[in-house]
Amino acid sequence: MTAIAMPFFWQDRHGNRHLPARMETRHLFYTLRMIWNSTMPAAARLPGNVYSFGSTYTKDYMLNAIAAIATELDMREDLTPDWEQQLQRMIDWLATHQLNRAEPAQIAEIA
């Protein structure tokens, strides 16, 4: 897996870079769910759409995005109950597949 520069920045479709810690929780959650559904196997998907991303969004980049954004969301105290449930489902899915959220390189092995 290619090393991603830290701190991690999410690059939106317009090329703007966003530090997850500075993103509004709602936007951060829906960004994660969009990435998750578009990167993980069908069995892991959550309610929501699957998007196609351009070549800028490599598999390594997307997997690092999942790790960075999920970690940030896990620290937030303003998640709705539904968001908490979906985030926990992602965490549980990764744990079931014996992945450590702190090690995004492992995600690539199963995605």
PDB file of N, CA and C in Angstrom:
ATOM      1  N   MET A   1       0.845  -1.178   0.000  1.00  0.00           N
ATOM      2  CA  MET A   1       0.000   0.000   0.000  1.00  0.00           C
ATOM      3  C   MET A   1       0.887   1.236   0.000  1.00  0.00           C
ATOM      4  N   THR A   2       0.558   2.182  -0.833  1.00  0.00           N
ATOM      5  CA  THR A   2       1.312   3.415  -0.925  1.00  0.00           C
ATOM      6  C   THR A   2       1.076   4.253   0.319  1.00  0.00           C
ATOM      7  N   ALA A   3       2.132   4.805   0.856  1.00  0.00           N
ATOM      8  CA  ALA A   3       2.002   5.648   2.046  1.00  0.00           C
ATOM      9  C   ALA A   3       1.265   6.935   1.676  1.00  0.00           C
ATOM     10  N   ILE A   4       0.339   7.303   2.505  1.00  0.00           N
ATOM     11  CA  ILE A   4      -0.410   8.544   2.324  1.00  0.00           C
ATOM     12  C   ILE A   4       0.158   9.570   3.293  1.00  0.00           C
ATOM     13  N   ALA A   5       0.413  10.779   2.783  1.00  0.00           N
ATOM     14  CA  ALA A   5       0.971  11.830   3.624  1.00  0.00           C
ATOM     15  C   ALA A   5       0.041  12.112   4.799  1.00  0.00           C
ATOM     16  N   MET A   6       0.627  12.296   5.959  1.00  0.00           N
ATOM     17  CA  MET A   6      -0.145  12.652   7.142  1.00  0.00           C
ATOM     18  C   MET A   6       0.150  14.099   7.490  1.00  0.00           C
ATOM     19  N   PRO A   7      -0.790  14.886   7.910  1.00  0.00           N
ATOM     20  CA  PRO A   7      -2.141  14.419   8.167  1.00  0.00           C
ATOM     21  C   PRO A   7      -2.872  14.138   6.857  1.00  0.00           C
ATOM     22  N   PHE A   8      -3.895  13.285   6.951  1.00  0.00           N
ATOM     23  CA  PHE A   8      -4.693  12.915   5.790  1.00  0.00           C
ATOM     24  C   PHE A   8      -5.634  14.056   5.428  1.00  0.00           C
ATOM     25  N   PHE A   9      -5.764  14.329   4.142  1.00  0.00           N
ATOM     26  CA  PHE A   9      -6.728  15.298   3.636  1.00  0.00           C
ATOM     27  C   PHE A   9      -7.652  14.594   2.660  1.00  0.00           C
ATOM     28  N   TRP A  10      -8.959  14.834   2.792  1.00  0.00           N
ATOM     29  CA  TRP A  10      -9.913  14.345   1.815  1.00  0.00           C
ATOM     30  C   TRP A  10      -9.959  15.350   0.679  1.00  0.00           C
ATOM     31  N   GLN A  11      -9.812  14.863  -0.539  1.00  0.00           N
ATOM     32  CA  GLN A  11      -9.907  15.726  -1.707  1.00  0.00           C
ATOM     33  C   GLN A  11     -11.275  15.556  -2.341  1.00  0.00           C
ATOM     34  N   ASP A  12     -12.048  16.642  -2.401  1.00  0.00           N
ATOM     35  CA  ASP A  12     -13.387  16.549  -2.971  1.00  0.00           C
ATOM     36  C   ASP A  12     -13.311  16.545  -4.499  1.00  0.00           C
ATOM     37  N   ARG A  13     -14.457  16.398  -5.132  1.00  0.00           N
ATOM     38  CA  ARG A  13     -14.483  16.276  -6.591  1.00  0.00           C
ATOM     39  C   ARG A  13     -14.035  17.543  -7.314  1.00  0.00           C
ATOM     40  N   HIS A  14     -13.952  18.648  -6.590  1.00  0.00           N
ATOM     41  CA  HIS A  14     -13.492  19.904  -7.179  1.00  0.00           C
ATOM     42  C   HIS A  14     -11.998  20.117  -6.968  1.00  0.00           C
ATOM     43  N   GLY A  15     -11.359  19.165  -6.291  1.00  0.00           N
ATOM     44  CA  GLY A  15      -9.925  19.273  -6.035  1.00  0.00           C
ATOM     45  C   GLY A  15      -9.581  19.985  -4.739  1.00  0.00           C
ATOM     46  N   ASN A  16     -10.603  20.413  -3.981  1.00  0.00           N
ATOM     47  CA  ASN A  16     -10.355  21.066  -2.698  1.00  0.00           C
ATOM     48  C   ASN A  16      -9.989  20.019  -1.665  1.00  0.00           C
ATOM     49  N   ARG A  17      -9.023  20.326  -0.818  1.00  0.00           N
ATOM     50  CA  ARG A  17      -8.584  19.395   0.218  1.00  0.00           C
ATOM     51  C   ARG A  17      -9.178  19.793   1.564  1.00  0.00           C
ATOM     52  N   HIS A  18      -9.640  18.775   2.312  1.00  0.00           N
ATOM     53  CA  HIS A  18     -10.295  19.016   3.604  1.00  0.00           C
ATOM     54  C   HIS A  18      -9.647  18.156   4.675  1.00  0.00           C
ATOM     55  N   LEU A  19      -9.255  18.773   5.750  1.00  0.00           N
ATOM     56  CA  LEU A  19      -8.761  18.045   6.907  1.00  0.00           C
ATOM     57  C   LEU A  19      -9.980  17.488   7.645  1.00  0.00           C
ATOM     58  N   PRO A  20     -10.082  16.162   7.814  1.00  0.00           N
ATOM     59  CA  PRO A  20     -11.272  15.601   8.463  1.00  0.00           C
ATOM     60  C   PRO A  20     -11.615  16.244   9.805  1.00  0.00           C
ATOM     61  N   ALA A  21     -10.637  16.598  10.596  1.00  0.00           N
ATOM     62  CA  ALA A  21     -10.895  17.204  11.906  1.00  0.00           C
ATOM     63  C   ALA A  21     -11.628  18.536  11.790  1.00  0.00           C
ATOM     64  N   ARG A  22     -11.555  19.162  10.624  1.00  0.00           N
ATOM     65  CA  ARG A  22     -12.213  20.455  10.431  1.00  0.00           C
ATOM     66  C   ARG A  22     -13.522  20.346   9.654  1.00  0.00           C
ATOM     67  N   MET A  23     -13.889  19.137   9.270  1.00  0.00           N
ATOM     68  CA  MET A  23     -15.132  18.948   8.523  1.00  0.00           C
ATOM     69  C   MET A  23     -16.313  18.834   9.484  1.00  0.00           C
ATOM     70  N   GLU A  24     -17.439  19.363   9.069  1.00  0.00           N
ATOM     71  CA  GLU A  24     -18.666  19.260   9.849  1.00  0.00           C
ATOM     72  C   GLU A  24     -19.056  17.775   9.923  1.00  0.00           C
ATOM     73  N   THR A  25     -19.571  17.348  11.055  1.00  0.00           N
ATOM     74  CA  THR A  25     -19.843  15.937  11.298  1.00  0.00           C
ATOM     75  C   THR A  25     -20.763  15.326  10.242  1.00  0.00           C
ATOM     76  N   ARG A  26     -21.810  16.002   9.881  1.00  0.00           N
ATOM     77  CA  ARG A  26     -22.744  15.474   8.880  1.00  0.00           C
ATOM     78  C   ARG A  26     -22.022  15.217   7.561  1.00  0.00           C
ATOM     79  N   HIS A  27     -21.253  16.203   7.106  1.00  0.00           N
ATOM     80  CA  HIS A  27     -20.516  16.068   5.854  1.00  0.00           C
ATOM     81  C   HIS A  27     -19.489  14.944   5.959  1.00  0.00           C
ATOM     82  N   LEU A  28     -18.821  14.857   7.075  1.00  0.00           N
ATOM     83  CA  LEU A  28     -17.812  13.824   7.291  1.00  0.00           C
ATOM     84  C   LEU A  28     -18.441  12.431   7.257  1.00  0.00           C
ATOM     85  N   PHE A  29     -19.583  12.273   7.934  1.00  0.00           N
ATOM     86  CA  PHE A  29     -20.242  10.968   7.957  1.00  0.00           C
ATOM     87  C   PHE A  29     -20.669  10.542   6.552  1.00  0.00           C
ATOM     88  N   TYR A  30     -21.326  11.427   5.828  1.00  0.00           N
ATOM     89  CA  TYR A  30     -21.804  11.053   4.496  1.00  0.00           C
ATOM     90  C   TYR A  30     -20.649  10.840   3.518  1.00  0.00           C
ATOM     91  N   THR A  31     -19.553  11.538   3.712  1.00  0.00           N
ATOM     92  CA  THR A  31     -18.358  11.283   2.905  1.00  0.00           C
ATOM     93  C   THR A  31     -17.841   9.881   3.179  1.00  0.00           C
ATOM     94  N   LEU A  32     -17.765   9.510   4.455  1.00  0.00           N
ATOM     95  CA  LEU A  32     -17.306   8.163   4.801  1.00  0.00           C
ATOM     96  C   LEU A  32     -18.218   7.102   4.205  1.00  0.00           C
ATOM     97  N   ARG A  33     -19.515   7.281   4.346  1.00  0.00           N
ATOM     98  CA  ARG A  33     -20.440   6.274   3.835  1.00  0.00           C
ATOM     99  C   ARG A  33     -20.343   6.149   2.314  1.00  0.00           C
ATOM    100  N   MET A  34     -20.154   7.257   1.633  1.00  0.00           N
ATOM    101  CA  MET A  34     -19.985   7.244   0.186  1.00  0.00           C
ATOM    102  C   MET A  34     -18.716   6.473  -0.190  1.00  0.00           C
ATOM    103  N   ILE A  35     -17.623   6.739   0.512  1.00  0.00           N
ATOM    104  CA  ILE A  35     -16.358   6.042   0.256  1.00  0.00           C
ATOM    105  C   ILE A  35     -16.518   4.562   0.580  1.00  0.00           C
ATOM    106  N   TRP A  36     -17.095   4.265   1.733  1.00  0.00           N
ATOM    107  CA  TRP A  36     -17.274   2.879   2.187  1.00  0.00           C
ATOM    108  C   TRP A  36     -18.050   2.067   1.146  1.00  0.00           C
ATOM    109  N   ASN A  37     -19.209   2.574   0.746  1.00  0.00           N
ATOM    110  CA  ASN A  37     -20.056   1.847  -0.193  1.00  0.00           C
ATOM    111  C   ASN A  37     -19.403   1.665  -1.556  1.00  0.00           C
ATOM    112  N   SER A  38     -18.527   2.568  -1.918  1.00  0.00           N
ATOM    113  CA  SER A  38     -17.887   2.517  -3.226  1.00  0.00           C
ATOM    114  C   SER A  38     -16.574   1.743  -3.220  1.00  0.00           C
ATOM    115  N   THR A  39     -16.101   1.359  -2.035  1.00  0.00           N
ATOM    116  CA  THR A  39     -14.799   0.702  -1.914  1.00  0.00           C
ATOM    117  C   THR A  39     -14.903  -0.724  -1.401  1.00  0.00           C
ATOM    118  N   MET A  40     -15.809  -0.964  -0.486  1.00  0.00           N
ATOM    119  CA  MET A  40     -15.904  -2.264   0.165  1.00  0.00           C
ATOM    120  C   MET A  40     -16.767  -3.247  -0.637  1.00  0.00           C
ATOM    121  N   PRO A  41     -16.624  -4.535  -0.335  1.00  0.00           N
ATOM    122  CA  PRO A  41     -17.455  -5.537  -1.012  1.00  0.00           C
ATOM    123  C   PRO A  41     -18.946  -5.302  -0.750  1.00  0.00           C
ATOM    124  N   ALA A  42     -19.779  -5.794  -1.645  1.00  0.00           N
ATOM    125  CA  ALA A  42     -21.230  -5.584  -1.544  1.00  0.00           C
ATOM    126  C   ALA A  42     -21.787  -6.003  -0.187  1.00  0.00           C
ATOM    127  N   ALA A  43     -21.271  -7.066   0.392  1.00  0.00           N
ATOM    128  CA  ALA A  43     -21.774  -7.556   1.684  1.00  0.00           C
ATOM    129  C   ALA A  43     -21.539  -6.568   2.813  1.00  0.00           C
ATOM    130  N   ALA A  44     -20.619  -5.639   2.644  1.00  0.00           N
ATOM    131  CA  ALA A  44     -20.293  -4.679   3.691  1.00  0.00           C
ATOM    132  C   ALA A  44     -21.029  -3.351   3.529  1.00  0.00           C
ATOM    133  N   ARG A  45     -21.705  -3.153   2.426  1.00  0.00           N
ATOM    134  CA  ARG A  45     -22.319  -1.857   2.125  1.00  0.00           C
ATOM    135  C   ARG A  45     -23.440  -1.496   3.090  1.00  0.00           C
ATOM    136  N   LEU A  46     -23.619  -0.190   3.213  1.00  0.00           N
ATOM    137  CA  LEU A  46     -24.664   0.403   4.043  1.00  0.00           C
ATOM    138  C   LEU A  46     -25.732   1.001   3.142  1.00  0.00           C
ATOM    139  N   PRO A  47     -26.873   1.412   3.715  1.00  0.00           N
ATOM    140  CA  PRO A  47     -27.865   2.095   2.885  1.00  0.00           C
ATOM    141  C   PRO A  47     -27.228   3.332   2.251  1.00  0.00           C
ATOM    142  N   GLY A  48     -27.483   3.535   1.000  1.00  0.00           N
ATOM    143  CA  GLY A  48     -26.906   4.686   0.301  1.00  0.00           C
ATOM    144  C   GLY A  48     -26.415   4.279  -1.071  1.00  0.00           C
ATOM    145  N   ASN A  49     -25.985   5.250  -1.806  1.00  0.00           N
ATOM    146  CA  ASN A  49     -25.574   5.026  -3.185  1.00  0.00           C
ATOM    147  C   ASN A  49     -24.132   4.531  -3.283  1.00  0.00           C
ATOM    148  N   VAL A  50     -23.845   3.936  -4.427  1.00  0.00           N
ATOM    149  CA  VAL A  50     -22.488   3.554  -4.789  1.00  0.00           C
ATOM    150  C   VAL A  50     -22.078   4.505  -5.906  1.00  0.00           C
ATOM    151  N   TYR A  51     -20.928   5.135  -5.763  1.00  0.00           N
ATOM    152  CA  TYR A  51     -20.461   6.117  -6.727  1.00  0.00           C
ATOM    153  C   TYR A  51     -19.233   5.598  -7.465  1.00  0.00           C
ATOM    154  N   SER A  52     -19.012   6.157  -8.631  1.00  0.00           N
ATOM    155  CA  SER A  52     -17.783   5.898  -9.370  1.00  0.00           C
ATOM    156  C   SER A  52     -16.867   7.096  -9.160  1.00  0.00           C
ATOM    157  N   PHE A  53     -15.634   6.812  -8.830  1.00  0.00           N
ATOM    158  CA  PHE A  53     -14.663   7.869  -8.601  1.00  0.00           C
ATOM    159  C   PHE A  53     -13.638   7.853  -9.716  1.00  0.00           C
ATOM    160  N   GLY A  54     -13.070   9.008 -10.011  1.00  0.00           N
ATOM    161  CA  GLY A  54     -12.048   9.116 -11.039  1.00  0.00           C
ATOM    162  C   GLY A  54     -10.725   8.512 -10.598  1.00  0.00           C
ATOM    163  N   SER A  55      -9.760   8.539 -11.476  1.00  0.00           N
ATOM    164  CA  SER A  55      -8.457   7.921 -11.219  1.00  0.00           C
ATOM    165  C   SER A  55      -7.683   8.589 -10.092  1.00  0.00           C
ATOM    166  N   THR A  56      -8.067   9.793  -9.711  1.00  0.00           N
ATOM    167  CA  THR A  56      -7.421  10.472  -8.577  1.00  0.00           C
ATOM    168  C   THR A  56      -7.610   9.670  -7.291  1.00  0.00           C
ATOM    169  N   TYR A  57      -8.733   8.985  -7.201  1.00  0.00           N
ATOM    170  CA  TYR A  57      -9.092   8.248  -5.994  1.00  0.00           C
ATOM    171  C   TYR A  57      -8.646   6.789  -6.131  1.00  0.00           C
ATOM    172  N   THR A  58      -7.379   6.568  -5.870  1.00  0.00           N
ATOM    173  CA  THR A  58      -6.846   5.214  -5.958  1.00  0.00           C
ATOM    174  C   THR A  58      -7.396   4.356  -4.824  1.00  0.00           C
ATOM    175  N   LYS A  59      -7.259   3.045  -4.969  1.00  0.00           N
ATOM    176  CA  LYS A  59      -7.719   2.137  -3.914  1.00  0.00           C
ATOM    177  C   LYS A  59      -7.006   2.441  -2.603  1.00  0.00           C
ATOM    178  N   ASP A  60      -5.693   2.652  -2.668  1.00  0.00           N
ATOM    179  CA  ASP A  60      -4.934   2.976  -1.455  1.00  0.00           C
ATOM    180  C   ASP A  60      -5.453   4.252  -0.799  1.00  0.00           C
ATOM    181  N   TYR A  61      -5.700   5.271  -1.620  1.00  0.00           N
ATOM    182  CA  TYR A  61      -6.195   6.536  -1.089  1.00  0.00           C
ATOM    183  C   TYR A  61      -7.551   6.339  -0.414  1.00  0.00           C
ATOM    184  N   MET A  62      -8.445   5.595  -1.057  1.00  0.00           N
ATOM    185  CA  MET A  62      -9.782   5.386  -0.503  1.00  0.00           C
ATOM    186  C   MET A  62      -9.729   4.583   0.794  1.00  0.00           C
ATOM    187  N   LEU A  63      -8.864   3.593   0.857  1.00  0.00           N
ATOM    188  CA  LEU A  63      -8.745   2.800   2.075  1.00  0.00           C
ATOM    189  C   LEU A  63      -8.169   3.623   3.216  1.00  0.00           C
ATOM    190  N   ASN A  64      -7.224   4.483   2.905  1.00  0.00           N
ATOM    191  CA  ASN A  64      -6.701   5.390   3.926  1.00  0.00           C
ATOM    192  C   ASN A  64      -7.761   6.403   4.340  1.00  0.00           C
ATOM    193  N   ALA A  65      -8.594   6.813   3.396  1.00  0.00           N
ATOM    194  CA  ALA A  65      -9.684   7.739   3.727  1.00  0.00           C
ATOM    195  C   ALA A  65     -10.643   7.092   4.716  1.00  0.00           C
ATOM    196  N   ILE A  66     -10.977   5.827   4.490  1.00  0.00           N
ATOM    197  CA  ILE A  66     -11.864   5.119   5.417  1.00  0.00           C
ATOM    198  C   ILE A  66     -11.254   5.118   6.815  1.00  0.00           C
ATOM    199  N   ALA A  67      -9.991   4.758   6.919  1.00  0.00           N
ATOM    200  CA  ALA A  67      -9.333   4.698   8.229  1.00  0.00           C
ATOM    201  C   ALA A  67      -9.288   6.074   8.897  1.00  0.00           C
ATOM    202  N   ALA A  68      -8.894   7.098   8.155  1.00  0.00           N
ATOM    203  CA  ALA A  68      -8.746   8.441   8.730  1.00  0.00           C
ATOM    204  C   ALA A  68     -10.093   9.037   9.131  1.00  0.00           C
ATOM    205  N   ILE A  69     -11.087   8.910   8.268  1.00  0.00           N
ATOM    206  CA  ILE A  69     -12.381   9.525   8.537  1.00  0.00           C
ATOM    207  C   ILE A  69     -13.138   8.760   9.618  1.00  0.00           C
ATOM    208  N   ALA A  70     -13.087   7.434   9.588  1.00  0.00           N
ATOM    209  CA  ALA A  70     -13.753   6.651  10.641  1.00  0.00           C
ATOM    210  C   ALA A  70     -13.144   6.947  11.999  1.00  0.00           C
ATOM    211  N   THR A  71     -11.823   7.085  12.037  1.00  0.00           N
ATOM    212  CA  THR A  71     -11.149   7.409  13.304  1.00  0.00           C
ATOM    213  C   THR A  71     -11.602   8.767  13.820  1.00  0.00           C
ATOM    214  N   GLU A  72     -11.709   9.744  12.924  1.00  0.00           N
ATOM    215  CA  GLU A  72     -12.178  11.073  13.328  1.00  0.00           C
ATOM    216  C   GLU A  72     -13.626  11.010  13.804  1.00  0.00           C
ATOM    217  N   LEU A  73     -14.484  10.325  13.065  1.00  0.00           N
ATOM    218  CA  LEU A  73     -15.886  10.235  13.473  1.00  0.00           C
ATOM    219  C   LEU A  73     -16.050   9.529  14.809  1.00  0.00           C
ATOM    220  N   ASP A  74     -15.208   8.559  15.068  1.00  0.00           N
ATOM    221  CA  ASP A  74     -15.292   7.809  16.321  1.00  0.00           C
ATOM    222  C   ASP A  74     -15.040   8.705  17.536  1.00  0.00           C
ATOM    223  N   MET A  75     -14.405   9.847  17.325  1.00  0.00           N
ATOM    224  CA  MET A  75     -14.130  10.794  18.413  1.00  0.00           C
ATOM    225  C   MET A  75     -15.220  11.847  18.566  1.00  0.00           C
ATOM    226  N   ARG A  76     -16.120  11.919  17.605  1.00  0.00           N
ATOM    227  CA  ARG A  76     -17.159  12.951  17.627  1.00  0.00           C
ATOM    228  C   ARG A  76     -18.257  12.594  18.620  1.00  0.00           C
ATOM    229  N   GLU A  77     -18.809  13.624  19.246  1.00  0.00           N
ATOM    230  CA  GLU A  77     -19.879  13.425  20.221  1.00  0.00           C
ATOM    231  C   GLU A  77     -21.239  13.850  19.692  1.00  0.00           C
ATOM    232  N   ASP A  78     -21.294  14.291  18.422  1.00  0.00           N
ATOM    233  CA  ASP A  78     -22.557  14.782  17.890  1.00  0.00           C
ATOM    234  C   ASP A  78     -23.113  13.902  16.769  1.00  0.00           C
ATOM    235  N   LEU A  79     -22.765  12.616  16.790  1.00  0.00           N
ATOM    236  CA  LEU A  79     -23.321  11.681  15.815  1.00  0.00           C
ATOM    237  C   LEU A  79     -24.785  11.388  16.172  1.00  0.00           C
ATOM    238  N   THR A  80     -25.622  11.264  15.172  1.00  0.00           N
ATOM    239  CA  THR A  80     -26.998  10.850  15.435  1.00  0.00           C
ATOM    240  C   THR A  80     -26.972   9.358  15.785  1.00  0.00           C
ATOM    241  N   PRO A  81     -28.022   8.847  16.418  1.00  0.00           N
ATOM    242  CA  PRO A  81     -28.062   7.406  16.705  1.00  0.00           C
ATOM    243  C   PRO A  81     -27.899   6.552  15.441  1.00  0.00           C
ATOM    244  N   ASP A  82     -28.499   6.975  14.329  1.00  0.00           N
ATOM    245  CA  ASP A  82     -28.380   6.230  13.078  1.00  0.00           C
ATOM    246  C   ASP A  82     -26.934   6.233  12.579  1.00  0.00           C
ATOM    247  N   TRP A  83     -26.263   7.373  12.650  1.00  0.00           N
ATOM    248  CA  TRP A  83     -24.865   7.447  12.225  1.00  0.00           C
ATOM    249  C   TRP A  83     -23.994   6.580  13.119  1.00  0.00           C
ATOM    250  N   GLU A  84     -24.251   6.624  14.430  1.00  0.00           N
ATOM    251  CA  GLU A  84     -23.481   5.784  15.358  1.00  0.00           C
ATOM    252  C   GLU A  84     -23.647   4.312  15.010  1.00  0.00           C
ATOM    253  N   GLN A  85     -24.872   3.916  14.695  1.00  0.00           N
ATOM    254  CA  GLN A  85     -25.145   2.520  14.352  1.00  0.00           C
ATOM    255  C   GLN A  85     -24.411   2.124  13.071  1.00  0.00           C
ATOM    256  N   GLN A  86     -24.441   2.974  12.069  1.00  0.00           N
ATOM    257  CA  GLN A  86     -23.762   2.665  10.815  1.00  0.00           C
ATOM    258  C   GLN A  86     -22.238   2.660  10.975  1.00  0.00           C
ATOM    259  N   LEU A  87     -21.709   3.606  11.742  1.00  0.00           N
ATOM    260  CA  LEU A  87     -20.275   3.626  12.007  1.00  0.00           C
ATOM    261  C   LEU A  87     -19.870   2.358  12.748  1.00  0.00           C
ATOM    262  N   GLN A  88     -20.675   1.955  13.723  1.00  0.00           N
ATOM    263  CA  GLN A  88     -20.372   0.731  14.466  1.00  0.00           C
ATOM    264  C   GLN A  88     -20.424  -0.480  13.544  1.00  0.00           C
ATOM    265  N   ARG A  89     -21.354  -0.484  12.605  1.00  0.00           N
ATOM    266  CA  ARG A  89     -21.424  -1.596  11.652  1.00  0.00           C
ATOM    267  C   ARG A  89     -20.140  -1.674  10.828  1.00  0.00           C
ATOM    268  N   MET A  90     -19.611  -0.517  10.417  1.00  0.00           N
ATOM    269  CA  MET A  90     -18.350  -0.506   9.676  1.00  0.00           C
ATOM    270  C   MET A  90     -17.215  -1.044  10.547  1.00  0.00           C
ATOM    271  N   ILE A  91     -17.154  -0.560  11.776  1.00  0.00           N
ATOM    272  CA  ILE A  91     -16.110  -0.997  12.711  1.00  0.00           C
ATOM    273  C   ILE A  91     -16.224  -2.496  12.951  1.00  0.00           C
ATOM    274  N   ASP A  92     -17.443  -2.979  13.171  1.00  0.00           N
ATOM    275  CA  ASP A  92     -17.655  -4.407  13.399  1.00  0.00           C
ATOM    276  C   ASP A  92     -17.269  -5.227  12.177  1.00  0.00           C
ATOM    277  N   TRP A  93     -17.601  -4.721  10.991  1.00  0.00           N
ATOM    278  CA  TRP A  93     -17.256  -5.444   9.776  1.00  0.00           C
ATOM    279  C   TRP A  93     -15.744  -5.587   9.662  1.00  0.00           C
ATOM    280  N   LEU A  94     -15.034  -4.503   9.934  1.00  0.00           N
ATOM    281  CA  LEU A  94     -13.570  -4.557   9.876  1.00  0.00           C
ATOM    282  C   LEU A  94     -13.024  -5.507  10.935  1.00  0.00           C
ATOM    283  N   ALA A  95     -13.595  -5.464  12.138  1.00  0.00           N
ATOM    284  CA  ALA A  95     -13.133  -6.344  13.217  1.00  0.00           C
ATOM    285  C   ALA A  95     -13.406  -7.807  12.887  1.00  0.00           C
ATOM    286  N   THR A  96     -14.553  -8.079  12.297  1.00  0.00           N
ATOM    287  CA  THR A  96     -14.903  -9.444  11.910  1.00  0.00           C
ATOM    288  C   THR A  96     -13.899  -9.994  10.900  1.00  0.00           C
ATOM    289  N   HIS A  97     -13.387  -9.115  10.098  1.00  0.00           N
ATOM    290  CA  HIS A  97     -12.397  -9.515   9.093  1.00  0.00           C
ATOM    291  C   HIS A  97     -10.977  -9.347   9.642  1.00  0.00           C
ATOM    292  N   GLN A  98     -10.898  -9.275  10.975  1.00  0.00           N
ATOM    293  CA  GLN A  98      -9.638  -9.223  11.721  1.00  0.00           C
ATOM    294  C   GLN A  98      -8.750  -8.072  11.280  1.00  0.00           C
ATOM    295  N   LEU A  99      -9.349  -6.902  11.202  1.00  0.00           N
ATOM    296  CA  LEU A  99      -8.605  -5.712  10.836  1.00  0.00           C
ATOM    297  C   LEU A  99      -8.545  -4.765  12.019  1.00  0.00           C
ATOM    298  N   ASN A 100      -7.466  -4.076  12.114  1.00  0.00           N
ATOM    299  CA  ASN A 100      -7.279  -3.060  13.145  1.00  0.00           C
ATOM    300  C   ASN A 100      -7.450  -1.707  12.469  1.00  0.00           C
ATOM    301  N   ARG A 101      -8.368  -0.895  12.948  1.00  0.00           N
ATOM    302  CA  ARG A 101      -8.613   0.408  12.314  1.00  0.00           C
ATOM    303  C   ARG A 101      -7.362   1.262  12.258  1.00  0.00           C
ATOM    304  N   ALA A 102      -6.413   1.044  13.159  1.00  0.00           N
ATOM    305  CA  ALA A 102      -5.198   1.848  13.169  1.00  0.00           C
ATOM    306  C   ALA A 102      -4.219   1.430  12.070  1.00  0.00           C
ATOM    307  N   GLU A 103      -4.537   0.346  11.374  1.00  0.00           N
ATOM    308  CA  GLU A 103      -3.638  -0.145  10.341  1.00  0.00           C
ATOM    309  C   GLU A 103      -4.379  -0.254   9.012  1.00  0.00           C
ATOM    310  N   PRO A 104      -4.541   0.895   8.302  1.00  0.00           N
ATOM    311  CA  PRO A 104      -5.324   0.887   7.062  1.00  0.00           C
ATOM    312  C   PRO A 104      -4.755  -0.031   5.992  1.00  0.00           C
ATOM    313  N   ALA A 105      -3.489  -0.339   6.031  1.00  0.00           N
ATOM    314  CA  ALA A 105      -2.916  -1.226   5.020  1.00  0.00           C
ATOM    315  C   ALA A 105      -3.600  -2.595   5.039  1.00  0.00           C
ATOM    316  N   GLN A 106      -4.074  -3.018   6.195  1.00  0.00           N
ATOM    317  CA  GLN A 106      -4.753  -4.314   6.302  1.00  0.00           C
ATOM    318  C   GLN A 106      -6.084  -4.297   5.570  1.00  0.00           C
ATOM    319  N   ILE A 107      -6.712  -3.155   5.469  1.00  0.00           N
ATOM    320  CA  ILE A 107      -7.998  -3.066   4.808  1.00  0.00           C
ATOM    321  C   ILE A 107      -7.856  -3.499   3.349  1.00  0.00           C
ATOM    322  N   ALA A 108      -6.754  -3.154   2.728  1.00  0.00           N
ATOM    323  CA  ALA A 108      -6.538  -3.468   1.316  1.00  0.00           C
ATOM    324  C   ALA A 108      -6.556  -4.963   1.047  1.00  0.00           C
ATOM    325  N   GLU A 109      -6.226  -5.749   2.034  1.00  0.00           N
ATOM    326  CA  GLU A 109      -6.167  -7.187   1.846  1.00  0.00           C
ATOM    327  C   GLU A 109      -7.530  -7.815   1.619  1.00  0.00           C
ATOM    328  N   ILE A 110      -8.594  -7.167   2.090  1.00  0.00           N
ATOM    329  CA  ILE A 110      -9.916  -7.768   1.963  1.00  0.00           C
ATOM    330  C   ILE A 110     -10.862  -6.954   1.085  1.00  0.00           C
ATOM    331  N   ALA A 111     -10.517  -5.734   0.797  1.00  0.00           N
ATOM    332  CA  ALA A 111     -11.410  -4.876  -0.003  1.00  0.00           C
ATOM    333  C   ALA A 111     -11.293  -5.200  -1.486  1.00  0.00           C
TER     334      ALA A 111
END
